Amino acid sequence: MNDLRRTLLWSVFAVSLLMLWDGWLVHTGQPSLFAPAPVVASAPAASGPASSANLPTPSAALGAPAAAVAADGGASAPVVPKSELITVTTDVVKATFDTLGGSLVRVELLQHRAQDDFKQNMVLFNKTAGHTYVAETGLIATTGLPNHKTPFTVLSTERVLADGADKLVVKMASAPVNGVQLIKTFTFPRGNYAIDVKQEVVNSSAAAVSPQLYVQLVRDGSAPTAEGPTMIGAPQAYLGGAFYTGEAKFQKVEFAQIEKNEAEFQKNADNGWVAVVQHYFTAAWLNNTKTAREFYARKLDSNLYALGMLFPVGEVAPGQTKAIETQLLVGPQEEVKLAKLAEGLELVKDYGWTHIMAKPLFWLLNWLHSLIGNWGWAIVALVVLLKAAFYWLNASAYRSMAKMKALNPRIQQLRENLKDKPQEMQQQMLKIYREEKVNPIGGCLPILIQIPVFIALYWVLLSSVEMRNAPWIGWITDLSIKDPYFVLPALMTLSTLLQTWLNPTPPDPLQAKMMWIMPLLFSVMFFFFPAGLVLYWLTNNILSIAQQWMINRQLGVTK
């Protein structure tokens, strides 16, 4: 029975370790150990003639030449449209627009450090020879209209958010194409990563037009640079597209599925949004009004993909102007703020399969941070609360362990005396357990109950951008990367060994050795885990040791 208990405990430990390792593989962009084989889906049906299938392809590089259209609507000789970069700065972003297309081609997050150089700011949008991640908009119809290849003229003059101002406005107008002009107005609110985007269709032609407006995110499929100088790269939950509608809810669309024309998602709805997701950050086009829209995802070029929404503008009569308003989010996955922007937007923060438990745990962690003001101490406080919630379960487990430890000399002697009579030995052991009222597997159930909670908290700490660049004390200046001096992992290893010392020693010498070797192997992984995770495990170990030591003393069990 004693061996059964240890076998069960080691099985639980091994499964937990396997699940944590699988989570780490997923976060580092590697395939899950349990990933199913890809399912071949049928190709999506083609839409109507004025649909996403007719969208113009983006220019291959910043400032690439494109054919110009004469202002009177007639075709002119091929020329190279002028491409000018316009940069504006607020308190949270530094954004760059390309006047060729009026697209947002670079966004620097001023309050977040770069992934490969913590002395630089994080750049989310960018358009270089080796990387493309931009936001584009334009019009489509049966005739040519302004799109993301059309030259635009910047009408606004402000480039920096003024002191005391609550917003910065960037306004630009396209060159007329077939008598139709597109005017884009980007409004950057102070302290906000959600940009208000108003797009006006001005019909100066002699005939009515019925265009559609597209908003799209264009990105290559390359993974971001590793998050800090870790052994196997930083955690990176999910890289790919995402769609959300009230009916289908959150739908992931991987770049590989788009590449193979296997992406499955709801194509038409009167609500919802589209996003591109990566670890800690996201970009999304939002429209919270009940308006018909078509969702699309398509391959543009080698390793280049577009995900977007298409809105019918309706008929625009000669001399008439119609407008559609959307929002463009480019920033960190701050869960509380995302939930306020649009329904389901907080789901871009990837908790894996632990979402049901992870979400309330993050709420509690965020609440503690609002009281304490430091994410490191908030983690400590959260572990204290969890240990308090599970106090009686843990006490039951530790009492069982303490009683087993007190009985170990008798059990050891029994095994020596009856080593040639295993059946009798088992009967005598069961008799001792009954007399002493000890359940050999009494310490297992409390552990089994707590494991899902601990794994969910693991995902919370691994997925929360709030841990990124967040200091704790002294040398811990960023809870999202490893301890630079390995102090926390070393302390955690010592605490794990102390826990092992407090537990009952297995009678079997091989099992006794494994009881010491396994915690050491387990602790090695933590030398490369983010400091916030190690802090959580260290705090949990210290509180467990304190509770187990107190119970051992109460029961008179000493080493």
Protein backbone atom coordinates (compact mmCIF):
# COMPACT_ATOMS: atom_id res chain seq x y z
CA MET A 1 0.00 0.00 0.00
CA ASN A 2 2.88 2.31 0.81
CA ASP A 3 4.41 1.55 -2.60
CA LEU A 4 1.03 2.25 -4.23
CA ARG A 5 0.91 5.66 -2.59
CA ARG A 6 4.39 6.55 -3.77
CA THR A 7 3.68 5.28 -7.26
CA LEU A 8 0.58 7.43 -7.43
CA LEU A 9 2.41 10.50 -6.14
CA TRP A 10 5.27 10.04 -8.60
CA SER A 11 2.77 9.53 -11.42
CA VAL A 12 1.06 12.80 -10.50
CA PHE A 13 4.43 14.52 -10.30
CA ALA A 14 5.53 13.11 -13.68
CA VAL A 15 2.27 14.11 -15.38
CA SER A 16 2.51 17.63 -13.92
CA LEU A 17 6.08 17.94 -15.11
CA LEU A 18 5.08 16.71 -18.56
CA MET A 19 2.24 19.20 -18.78
CA LEU A 20 4.46 22.09 -17.70
CA TRP A 21 7.08 21.09 -20.25
CA ASP A 22 4.44 20.82 -22.96
CA GLY A 23 3.27 24.32 -22.05
CA TRP A 24 6.81 25.58 -22.36
CA LEU A 25 7.18 23.94 -25.80
CA VAL A 26 4.00 25.64 -27.00
CA HIS A 27 5.14 29.00 -25.65
CA THR A 28 8.46 28.71 -27.44
CA GLY A 29 6.77 28.13 -30.77
CA GLN A 30 7.40 24.38 -30.90
CA PRO A 31 4.70 21.75 -31.52
CA SER A 32 2.75 20.51 -28.52
CA LEU A 33 3.44 16.97 -27.38
CA PHE A 34 -0.29 16.34 -27.65
CA ALA A 35 -0.99 18.27 -30.88
CA PRO A 36 -3.39 16.40 -33.17
CA ALA A 37 -2.59 15.84 -36.80
CA PRO A 38 -3.78 18.70 -38.99
CA VAL A 39 -7.25 18.26 -40.40
CA VAL A 40 -7.66 19.02 -44.07
CA ALA A 41 -10.60 21.40 -44.45
CA SER A 42 -12.46 22.29 -47.56
CA ALA A 43 -11.51 25.54 -49.23
CA PRO A 44 -13.83 28.46 -48.46
CA ALA A 45 -16.36 29.31 -51.07
CA ALA A 46 -15.60 32.35 -53.18
CA SER A 47 -17.56 35.49 -52.41
CA GLY A 48 -19.29 37.76 -54.89
CA PRO A 49 -17.53 39.93 -57.47
CA ALA A 50 -17.00 42.82 -55.05
CA SER A 51 -15.57 40.70 -52.28
CA SER A 52 -12.30 40.05 -50.49
CA ALA A 53 -11.19 38.02 -53.50
CA ASN A 54 -10.83 41.28 -55.45
CA LEU A 55 -8.72 43.14 -52.92
CA PRO A 56 -5.54 44.69 -54.30
CA THR A 57 -2.29 43.09 -53.20
CA PRO A 58 0.05 45.17 -51.04
CA SER A 59 3.25 46.67 -52.33
CA ALA A 60 6.14 44.30 -51.73
CA ALA A 61 8.32 46.80 -49.90
CA LEU A 62 8.14 50.29 -48.44
CA GLY A 63 7.88 52.78 -51.27
CA ALA A 64 7.63 50.15 -54.03
CA PRO A 65 6.42 51.61 -57.31
CA ALA A 66 2.77 51.29 -58.27
CA ALA A 67 0.78 52.53 -61.24
CA ALA A 68 -0.74 55.98 -60.71
CA VAL A 69 -4.24 57.03 -61.79
CA ALA A 70 -4.97 60.39 -63.28
CA ALA A 71 -7.09 62.76 -61.23
CA ASP A 72 -9.74 62.95 -63.94
CA GLY A 73 -10.21 59.18 -63.82
CA GLY A 74 -8.30 58.35 -67.01
CA ALA A 75 -5.20 56.16 -67.04
CA SER A 76 -1.89 58.02 -67.13
CA ALA A 77 1.55 56.83 -68.12
CA PRO A 78 3.12 54.59 -65.45
CA VAL A 79 4.88 56.70 -62.82
CA VAL A 80 6.37 56.04 -59.42
CA PRO A 81 4.03 57.54 -56.79
CA LYS A 82 5.75 59.50 -54.08
CA SER A 83 6.17 57.67 -50.78
CA GLU A 84 6.71 59.83 -47.73
CA LEU A 85 6.92 58.66 -44.13
CA ILE A 86 5.07 60.74 -41.54
CA THR A 87 5.80 60.06 -37.86
CA VAL A 88 3.63 61.17 -34.94
CA THR A 89 4.27 60.68 -31.23
CA THR A 90 1.92 60.37 -28.26
CA ASP A 91 2.62 59.42 -24.66
CA VAL A 92 2.40 55.68 -25.44
CA VAL A 93 3.21 55.19 -29.14
CA LYS A 94 5.39 56.51 -31.92
CA ALA A 95 3.50 55.80 -35.16
CA THR A 96 4.70 56.08 -38.75
CA PHE A 97 2.40 56.41 -41.78
CA ASP A 98 3.30 55.90 -45.43
CA THR A 99 1.58 58.45 -47.67
CA LEU A 100 1.58 55.81 -50.42
CA GLY A 101 -1.64 54.14 -49.35
CA GLY A 102 -2.10 56.03 -46.09
CA SER A 103 -1.09 52.85 -44.24
CA LEU A 104 0.26 52.52 -40.71
CA VAL A 105 3.65 50.90 -41.30
CA ARG A 106 5.47 51.26 -37.98
CA VAL A 107 4.34 51.44 -34.34
CA GLU A 108 6.84 51.78 -31.51
CA LEU A 109 5.47 51.14 -28.02
CA LEU A 110 7.13 53.71 -25.80
CA GLN A 111 6.29 52.00 -22.50
CA HIS A 112 7.49 48.51 -23.46
CA ARG A 113 11.03 47.34 -24.12
CA ALA A 114 12.16 45.48 -27.22
CA GLN A 115 12.27 41.68 -27.16
CA ASP A 116 15.90 41.37 -28.25
CA ASP A 117 17.32 44.57 -26.74
CA PHE A 118 15.82 45.79 -23.48
CA LYS A 119 17.45 49.20 -23.97
CA GLN A 120 15.22 49.85 -26.99
CA ASN A 121 11.46 50.27 -27.25
CA MET A 122 9.24 47.47 -28.52
CA VAL A 123 8.38 47.85 -32.22
CA LEU A 124 5.19 45.97 -33.13
CA PHE A 125 4.32 47.21 -36.62
CA ASN A 126 7.23 47.49 -39.02
CA LYS A 127 7.98 47.24 -42.73
CA THR A 128 11.53 46.29 -43.64
CA ALA A 129 13.26 44.00 -46.12
CA GLY A 130 12.99 41.09 -43.68
CA HIS A 131 9.76 41.76 -41.81
CA THR A 132 6.28 43.06 -42.64
CA TYR A 133 3.53 43.86 -40.16
CA VAL A 134 1.25 46.75 -41.17
CA ALA A 135 -2.36 47.96 -41.13
CA GLU A 136 -3.97 48.87 -44.45
CA THR A 137 -7.36 50.15 -45.61
CA GLY A 138 -8.99 51.04 -48.91
CA LEU A 139 -12.01 50.79 -51.19
CA ILE A 140 -13.01 48.20 -53.76
CA ALA A 141 -15.75 48.24 -56.38
CA THR A 142 -16.31 47.15 -59.98
CA THR A 143 -14.22 50.17 -61.04
CA GLY A 144 -10.93 51.37 -59.58
CA LEU A 145 -11.16 53.33 -56.32
CA PRO A 146 -8.60 54.60 -53.75
CA ASN A 147 -6.85 51.76 -51.93
CA HIS A 148 -3.65 51.09 -50.01
CA LYS A 149 -1.57 51.73 -53.13
CA THR A 150 -3.08 55.16 -53.84
CA PRO A 151 -1.03 58.31 -52.97
CA PHE A 152 -2.36 60.29 -50.00
CA THR A 153 -1.74 63.84 -48.88
CA VAL A 154 -1.45 64.59 -45.16
CA LEU A 155 -3.82 67.42 -44.21
CA SER A 156 -2.99 67.73 -40.48
CA THR A 157 0.11 69.45 -39.15
CA GLU A 158 0.41 68.18 -35.56
CA ARG A 159 3.12 65.56 -35.04
CA VAL A 160 3.42 65.39 -31.24
CA LEU A 161 0.68 65.09 -28.61
CA ALA A 162 0.71 68.49 -26.93
CA ASP A 163 0.94 68.87 -23.16
CA GLY A 164 -2.55 68.92 -21.75
CA ALA A 165 -4.13 67.65 -24.98
CA ASP A 166 -6.22 64.48 -24.77
CA LYS A 167 -5.76 63.40 -28.39
CA LEU A 168 -3.64 63.73 -31.51
CA VAL A 169 -5.34 63.75 -34.93
CA VAL A 170 -3.76 62.68 -38.22
CA LYS A 171 -5.83 63.41 -41.32
CA MET A 172 -5.00 62.49 -44.90
CA ALA A 173 -6.82 62.46 -48.23
CA SER A 174 -6.24 60.29 -51.25
CA ALA A 175 -5.78 61.38 -54.79
CA PRO A 176 -9.15 61.11 -56.59
CA VAL A 177 -9.60 57.83 -58.45
CA ASN A 178 -12.48 57.79 -60.95
CA GLY A 179 -13.84 60.86 -59.19
CA VAL A 180 -13.90 59.20 -55.74
CA GLN A 181 -11.74 60.32 -52.84
CA LEU A 182 -11.01 58.53 -49.55
CA ILE A 183 -10.29 60.65 -46.46
CA LYS A 184 -8.75 58.90 -43.44
CA THR A 185 -8.73 60.41 -39.95
CA PHE A 186 -6.67 58.66 -37.26
CA THR A 187 -7.29 59.86 -33.69
CA PHE A 188 -4.75 58.82 -31.05
CA PRO A 189 -6.22 59.21 -27.51
CA ARG A 190 -3.83 59.96 -24.66
CA GLY A 191 -2.77 56.86 -22.74
CA ASN A 192 -4.59 54.53 -25.13
CA TYR A 193 -3.43 51.96 -27.69
CA ALA A 194 -6.80 51.93 -29.49
CA ILE A 195 -6.74 54.38 -32.42
CA ASP A 196 -10.07 55.75 -33.69
CA VAL A 197 -10.14 55.50 -37.49
CA LYS A 198 -12.77 57.40 -39.50
CA GLN A 199 -12.87 56.82 -43.26
CA GLU A 200 -14.97 59.07 -45.49
CA VAL A 201 -15.90 58.24 -49.08
CA VAL A 202 -16.33 61.45 -51.10
CA ASN A 203 -18.00 61.04 -54.49
CA SER A 204 -17.13 63.90 -56.82
CA SER A 205 -18.00 61.97 -59.96
CA ALA A 206 -21.15 62.24 -62.04
CA ALA A 207 -22.37 58.74 -61.17
CA ALA A 208 -23.34 56.96 -57.98
CA VAL A 209 -20.90 54.39 -56.59
CA SER A 210 -21.43 51.48 -54.18
CA PRO A 211 -17.99 50.63 -52.83
CA GLN A 212 -16.88 48.36 -50.04
CA LEU A 213 -14.33 49.40 -47.42
CA TYR A 214 -11.68 46.93 -46.31
CA VAL A 215 -9.54 47.10 -43.18
CA GLN A 216 -6.78 44.53 -42.91
CA LEU A 217 -3.66 43.47 -41.04
CA VAL A 218 -0.81 42.24 -43.20
CA ARG A 219 1.95 40.21 -41.56
CA ASP A 220 4.60 37.67 -42.44
CA GLY A 221 4.53 34.33 -40.64
CA SER A 222 7.93 34.67 -38.97
CA ALA A 223 8.02 34.35 -35.19
CA PRO A 224 9.17 37.38 -33.16
CA THR A 225 12.67 37.56 -31.79
CA ALA A 226 13.20 35.52 -28.62
CA GLU A 227 12.00 37.26 -25.48
CA GLY A 228 15.26 37.87 -23.69
CA PRO A 229 18.47 35.84 -23.29
CA THR A 230 17.01 32.50 -22.20
CA MET A 231 18.30 29.03 -22.99
CA ILE A 232 15.57 27.97 -25.39
CA GLY A 233 13.92 31.29 -26.13
CA ALA A 234 11.23 33.25 -24.43
CA PRO A 235 7.62 32.15 -24.05
CA GLN A 236 5.49 32.95 -27.06
CA ALA A 237 1.99 31.64 -26.68
CA TYR A 238 0.40 31.81 -30.12
CA LEU A 239 1.38 33.50 -33.37
CA GLY A 240 -1.37 33.81 -35.94
CA GLY A 241 -4.74 35.28 -36.75
CA ALA A 242 -7.94 35.35 -34.75
CA PHE A 243 -11.56 36.16 -35.57
CA TYR A 244 -14.44 36.75 -33.21
CA THR A 245 -18.19 36.88 -33.82
CA GLY A 246 -21.08 36.65 -31.39
CA GLU A 247 -22.18 33.38 -32.97
CA ALA A 248 -18.88 31.52 -33.55
CA LYS A 249 -16.98 33.19 -30.67
CA PHE A 250 -13.17 33.10 -30.67
CA GLN A 251 -11.64 31.37 -33.70
CA LYS A 252 -7.90 30.94 -34.22
CA VAL A 253 -6.57 30.89 -37.78
CA GLU A 254 -2.95 29.87 -38.11
CA PHE A 255 -0.77 31.17 -40.92
CA ALA A 256 -0.08 27.57 -41.95
CA GLN A 257 -3.84 27.05 -42.43
CA ILE A 258 -4.06 30.15 -44.61
CA GLU A 259 -1.05 28.93 -46.59
CA LYS A 260 -2.82 25.64 -47.35
CA ASN A 261 -6.24 27.27 -47.88
CA GLU A 262 -7.54 25.27 -44.92
CA ALA A 263 -8.61 28.15 -42.67
CA GLU A 264 -12.11 27.73 -41.25
CA PHE A 265 -13.97 30.62 -39.61
CA GLN A 266 -17.29 32.41 -39.87
CA LYS A 267 -17.19 34.48 -43.05
CA ASN A 268 -20.18 36.80 -42.59
CA ALA A 269 -21.70 38.47 -39.53
CA ASP A 270 -23.04 41.81 -38.30
CA ASN A 271 -20.55 41.99 -35.43
CA GLY A 272 -17.04 40.92 -34.49
CA TRP A 273 -13.40 41.75 -35.02
CA VAL A 274 -10.19 40.46 -36.57
CA ALA A 275 -6.76 40.32 -34.94
CA VAL A 276 -3.20 39.11 -35.30
CA VAL A 277 -1.87 37.67 -32.05
CA GLN A 278 1.60 37.06 -30.67
CA HIS A 279 3.01 36.61 -27.17
CA TYR A 280 2.15 39.63 -25.00
CA PHE A 281 0.98 41.87 -27.91
CA THR A 282 -1.81 42.09 -30.46
CA ALA A 283 -3.20 44.20 -33.28
CA ALA A 284 -6.91 44.20 -34.07
CA TRP A 285 -9.47 45.96 -36.22
CA LEU A 286 -12.64 46.63 -34.21
CA ASN A 287 -16.14 47.80 -35.04
CA ASN A 288 -18.71 47.52 -32.25
CA THR A 289 -21.71 48.70 -34.27
CA LYS A 290 -24.22 46.17 -35.61
CA THR A 291 -23.06 46.42 -39.22
CA ALA A 292 -22.79 43.74 -41.89
CA ARG A 293 -19.22 42.64 -42.58
CA GLU A 294 -17.29 39.93 -44.37
CA PHE A 295 -14.23 38.34 -42.76
CA TYR A 296 -11.35 37.08 -44.86
CA ALA A 297 -7.89 35.57 -44.54
CA ARG A 298 -5.66 35.01 -47.55
CA LYS A 299 -2.09 34.51 -48.64
CA LEU A 300 -0.57 37.50 -50.45
CA ASP A 301 2.94 36.37 -51.16
CA SER A 302 5.55 33.96 -49.91
CA ASN A 303 5.15 33.97 -46.11
CA LEU A 304 2.90 37.05 -46.24
CA TYR A 305 -0.75 36.98 -45.12
CA ALA A 306 -3.70 39.36 -44.86
CA LEU A 307 -6.58 39.11 -42.38
CA GLY A 308 -9.34 41.65 -42.45
CA MET A 309 -12.95 42.78 -42.66
CA LEU A 310 -14.96 44.12 -45.57
CA PHE A 311 -17.81 46.62 -44.97
CA PRO A 312 -20.45 47.66 -47.51
CA VAL A 313 -20.51 51.46 -47.67
CA GLY A 314 -23.81 51.57 -49.52
CA GLU A 315 -24.67 53.80 -52.43
CA VAL A 316 -22.86 57.14 -52.46
CA ALA A 317 -24.61 59.58 -54.77
CA PRO A 318 -22.73 62.27 -56.73
CA GLY A 319 -21.65 65.03 -54.36
CA GLN A 320 -22.41 62.85 -51.32
CA THR A 321 -20.06 61.71 -48.53
CA LYS A 322 -20.41 58.58 -46.41
CA ALA A 323 -18.24 57.53 -43.46
CA ILE A 324 -17.42 54.31 -41.61
CA GLU A 325 -15.77 54.42 -38.19
CA THR A 326 -13.58 51.65 -36.77
CA GLN A 327 -10.85 51.25 -34.17
CA LEU A 328 -7.33 49.93 -34.65
CA LEU A 329 -5.72 48.42 -31.56
CA VAL A 330 -1.93 48.12 -31.62
CA GLY A 331 -0.47 47.31 -28.23
CA PRO A 332 -0.05 45.00 -25.25
CA GLN A 333 -2.56 42.33 -24.19
CA GLU A 334 -3.75 44.13 -21.06
CA GLU A 335 -6.66 41.88 -20.24
CA VAL A 336 -8.83 44.32 -18.28
CA LYS A 337 -8.53 47.03 -20.94
CA LEU A 338 -9.09 44.60 -23.82
CA ALA A 339 -12.36 43.39 -22.30
CA LYS A 340 -13.68 46.97 -22.30
CA LEU A 341 -12.80 47.62 -25.94
CA ALA A 342 -14.81 44.83 -27.57
CA GLU A 343 -16.66 41.67 -26.66
CA GLY A 344 -14.27 38.72 -26.37
CA LEU A 345 -11.16 40.74 -27.18
CA GLU A 346 -9.48 39.62 -23.95
CA LEU A 347 -9.38 36.10 -25.44
CA VAL A 348 -6.34 37.06 -27.53
CA LYS A 349 -4.43 36.48 -24.29
CA ASP A 350 -3.70 32.78 -24.55
CA TYR A 351 -4.21 30.70 -21.40
CA GLY A 352 -4.32 27.42 -23.29
CA TRP A 353 -6.75 24.84 -21.91
CA THR A 354 -6.63 26.41 -18.41
CA HIS A 355 -8.73 29.44 -19.39
CA ILE A 356 -11.67 28.69 -17.07
CA MET A 357 -9.41 28.68 -13.99
CA ALA A 358 -6.76 31.11 -15.24
CA LYS A 359 -9.14 34.00 -15.84
CA PRO A 360 -10.36 34.32 -12.20
CA LEU A 361 -6.81 33.78 -10.97
CA PHE A 362 -5.61 36.72 -13.06
CA TRP A 363 -8.52 38.81 -11.77
CA LEU A 364 -7.41 38.07 -8.22
CA LEU A 365 -3.75 38.77 -9.08
CA ASN A 366 -4.69 42.08 -10.73
CA TRP A 367 -6.78 43.07 -7.70
CA LEU A 368 -3.89 42.34 -5.36
CA HIS A 369 -1.61 44.44 -7.57
CA SER A 370 -4.05 47.34 -7.34
CA LEU A 371 -3.70 47.16 -3.53
CA ILE A 372 0.04 46.49 -3.30
CA GLY A 373 1.41 48.27 -6.38
CA ASN A 374 4.10 45.67 -7.14
CA TRP A 375 3.56 42.58 -9.29
CA GLY A 376 6.21 40.57 -7.45
CA TRP A 377 4.60 41.08 -4.06
CA ALA A 378 1.19 40.53 -5.69
CA ILE A 379 2.41 37.06 -6.76
CA VAL A 380 3.55 36.36 -3.19
CA ALA A 381 0.20 37.53 -1.80
CA LEU A 382 -1.69 35.39 -4.32
CA VAL A 383 0.22 32.26 -3.28
CA VAL A 384 -0.51 33.06 0.37
CA LEU A 385 -4.23 33.32 -0.41
CA LEU A 386 -4.18 30.07 -2.37
CA LYS A 387 -2.35 28.28 0.44
CA ALA A 388 -4.91 29.62 2.89
CA ALA A 389 -7.77 28.42 0.67
CA PHE A 390 -6.25 24.94 0.52
CA TYR A 391 -5.00 24.95 4.11
CA TRP A 392 -7.18 22.09 5.38
CA LEU A 393 -6.59 19.97 2.30
CA ASN A 394 -2.86 20.46 2.69
CA ALA A 395 -3.06 19.82 6.42
CA SER A 396 -4.74 16.49 5.73
CA ALA A 397 -1.99 15.54 3.29
CA TYR A 398 0.81 16.62 5.63
CA ARG A 399 -0.73 14.77 8.61
CA SER A 400 -0.86 11.64 6.50
CA MET A 401 2.78 12.15 5.51
CA ALA A 402 3.81 12.84 9.10
CA LYS A 403 2.10 9.68 10.36
CA MET A 404 3.68 7.66 7.58
CA LYS A 405 7.03 9.12 8.55
CA ALA A 406 6.51 8.09 12.20
CA LEU A 407 5.64 4.57 11.08
CA ASN A 408 8.61 4.26 8.75
CA PRO A 409 10.92 2.50 11.26
CA ARG A 410 8.27 -0.16 11.96
CA ILE A 411 7.51 -0.58 8.25
CA GLN A 412 11.21 -0.85 7.47
CA GLN A 413 11.68 -3.49 10.13
CA LEU A 414 8.66 -5.38 8.86
CA ARG A 415 10.02 -5.40 5.31
CA GLU A 416 13.34 -6.76 6.56
CA ASN A 417 11.74 -9.50 8.63
CA LEU A 418 9.25 -10.60 5.98
CA LYS A 419 11.13 -9.87 2.77
CA ASP A 420 10.71 -13.48 1.69
CA LYS A 421 6.98 -13.48 2.49
CA PRO A 422 5.50 -10.60 0.46
CA GLN A 423 1.87 -11.57 1.00
CA GLU A 424 2.24 -11.73 4.77
CA MET A 425 4.23 -8.52 4.72
CA GLN A 426 1.38 -6.71 2.95
CA GLN A 427 -1.15 -8.07 5.43
CA GLN A 428 0.95 -6.93 8.40
CA MET A 429 1.45 -3.48 6.86
CA LEU A 430 -2.32 -3.07 6.37
CA LYS A 431 -2.85 -4.15 9.98
CA ILE A 432 -0.43 -1.45 11.20
CA TYR A 433 -2.18 1.18 9.07
CA ARG A 434 -5.57 0.18 10.51
CA GLU A 435 -4.31 0.23 14.08
CA GLU A 436 -2.67 3.63 13.66
CA LYS A 437 -5.59 4.98 11.56
CA VAL A 438 -3.32 5.93 8.68
CA ASN A 439 -4.45 6.13 5.06
CA PRO A 440 -1.39 5.48 2.85
CA ILE A 441 -2.89 7.45 -0.03
CA GLY A 442 -4.35 10.18 2.17
CA GLY A 443 -1.78 12.67 0.95
CA CYS A 444 -2.59 12.14 -2.72
CA LEU A 445 -6.11 13.50 -3.13
CA PRO A 446 -5.37 17.03 -1.85
CA ILE A 447 -2.45 17.22 -4.28
CA LEU A 448 -4.60 16.01 -7.18
CA ILE A 449 -7.23 18.68 -6.43
CA GLN A 450 -4.66 21.49 -6.38
CA ILE A 451 -2.69 20.57 -9.49
CA PRO A 452 -5.15 22.18 -12.01
CA VAL A 453 -5.08 25.41 -9.98
CA PHE A 454 -1.28 25.50 -9.89
CA ILE A 455 -1.01 24.81 -13.64
CA ALA A 456 -3.57 27.56 -14.36
CA LEU A 457 -1.54 30.00 -12.29
CA TYR A 458 1.56 28.91 -14.21
CA TRP A 459 -0.18 29.96 -17.45
CA VAL A 460 -1.34 33.24 -15.92
CA LEU A 461 2.19 34.24 -15.02
CA LEU A 462 3.58 33.04 -18.34
CA SER A 463 0.99 34.86 -20.47
CA SER A 464 0.56 38.20 -18.70
CA VAL A 465 2.23 41.19 -20.32
CA GLU A 466 1.94 42.91 -16.93
CA MET A 467 4.90 40.76 -15.79
CA ARG A 468 6.99 42.09 -18.68
CA ASN A 469 9.51 44.72 -17.52
CA ALA A 470 7.85 44.57 -14.07
CA PRO A 471 10.40 44.79 -11.21
CA TRP A 472 10.17 43.06 -7.85
CA ILE A 473 13.11 43.81 -5.55
CA GLY A 474 16.82 44.52 -6.03
CA TRP A 475 18.25 42.51 -8.89
CA ILE A 476 14.85 41.31 -10.17
CA THR A 477 14.00 44.09 -12.62
CA ASP A 478 11.84 42.03 -14.99
CA LEU A 479 9.57 39.22 -13.79
CA SER A 480 9.10 37.89 -17.33
CA ILE A 481 12.72 36.81 -17.87
CA LYS A 482 15.06 34.54 -15.94
CA ASP A 483 16.80 35.65 -12.75
CA PRO A 484 20.11 37.10 -14.04
CA TYR A 485 22.04 35.78 -11.03
CA PHE A 486 20.00 32.56 -10.50
CA VAL A 487 19.34 33.47 -6.87
CA LEU A 488 15.64 32.55 -6.94
CA PRO A 489 16.20 29.20 -8.73
CA ALA A 490 18.96 28.30 -6.24
CA LEU A 491 16.69 29.11 -3.29
CA MET A 492 13.88 27.15 -4.89
CA THR A 493 16.16 24.13 -5.32
CA LEU A 494 17.16 24.29 -1.64
CA SER A 495 13.54 24.60 -0.58
CA THR A 496 12.60 21.58 -2.72
CA LEU A 497 15.36 19.51 -1.13
CA LEU A 498 14.20 20.59 2.34
CA GLN A 499 10.68 19.48 1.45
CA THR A 500 12.06 16.11 0.38
CA TRP A 501 13.90 15.81 3.70
CA LEU A 502 10.67 16.48 5.61
CA ASN A 503 8.76 13.78 3.69
CA PRO A 504 8.76 10.12 4.70
CA THR A 505 11.82 8.23 3.45
CA PRO A 506 10.86 5.28 1.21
CA PRO A 507 11.99 1.88 2.56
CA ASP A 508 13.24 0.92 -0.89
CA PRO A 509 16.82 2.34 -1.36
CA LEU A 510 16.21 2.96 -5.07
CA GLN A 511 13.03 4.90 -4.34
CA ALA A 512 14.87 6.82 -1.65
CA LYS A 513 17.51 7.92 -4.16
CA MET A 514 14.85 8.90 -6.68
CA MET A 515 13.16 11.03 -4.02
CA TRP A 516 16.30 13.20 -4.05
CA ILE A 517 17.19 13.02 -7.74
CA MET A 518 13.78 13.94 -9.17
CA PRO A 519 13.44 17.28 -7.32
CA LEU A 520 16.95 18.22 -8.48
CA LEU A 521 16.11 17.45 -12.10
CA PHE A 522 12.85 19.34 -11.75
CA SER A 523 14.64 22.36 -10.26
CA VAL A 524 17.11 22.59 -13.16
CA MET A 525 14.28 23.68 -15.47
CA PHE A 526 13.54 26.63 -13.21
CA PHE A 527 16.98 28.13 -13.76
CA PHE A 528 15.69 29.21 -17.18
CA PHE A 529 12.07 29.99 -16.34
CA PRO A 530 10.83 33.60 -15.89
CA ALA A 531 11.56 35.02 -12.44
CA GLY A 532 7.84 35.50 -11.74
CA LEU A 533 7.22 31.77 -12.09
CA VAL A 534 10.18 30.87 -9.90
CA LEU A 535 9.00 33.37 -7.29
CA TYR A 536 5.60 31.66 -7.27
CA TRP A 537 7.11 28.17 -6.78
CA LEU A 538 9.59 29.37 -4.15
CA THR A 539 6.83 31.07 -2.14
CA ASN A 540 4.65 27.98 -2.43
CA ASN A 541 7.53 25.76 -1.27
CA ILE A 542 8.32 27.97 1.74
CA LEU A 543 4.69 28.01 2.88
CA SER A 544 4.40 24.25 2.35
CA ILE A 545 7.55 23.64 4.41
CA ALA A 546 6.27 25.85 7.22
CA GLN A 547 2.92 24.05 7.35
CA GLN A 548 4.47 20.59 7.14
CA TRP A 549 7.03 21.41 9.86
CA MET A 550 4.27 22.67 12.18
CA ILE A 551 2.20 19.53 11.66
CA ASN A 552 5.25 17.30 12.18
CA ARG A 553 5.90 19.04 15.50
CA GLN A 554 2.25 18.72 16.54
CA LEU A 555 2.39 14.98 15.91
CA GLY A 556 5.80 14.62 17.54
CA VAL A 557 7.54 13.57 14.33
CA THR A 558 11.20 14.63 14.28
CA LYS A 559 14.16 13.79 12.07
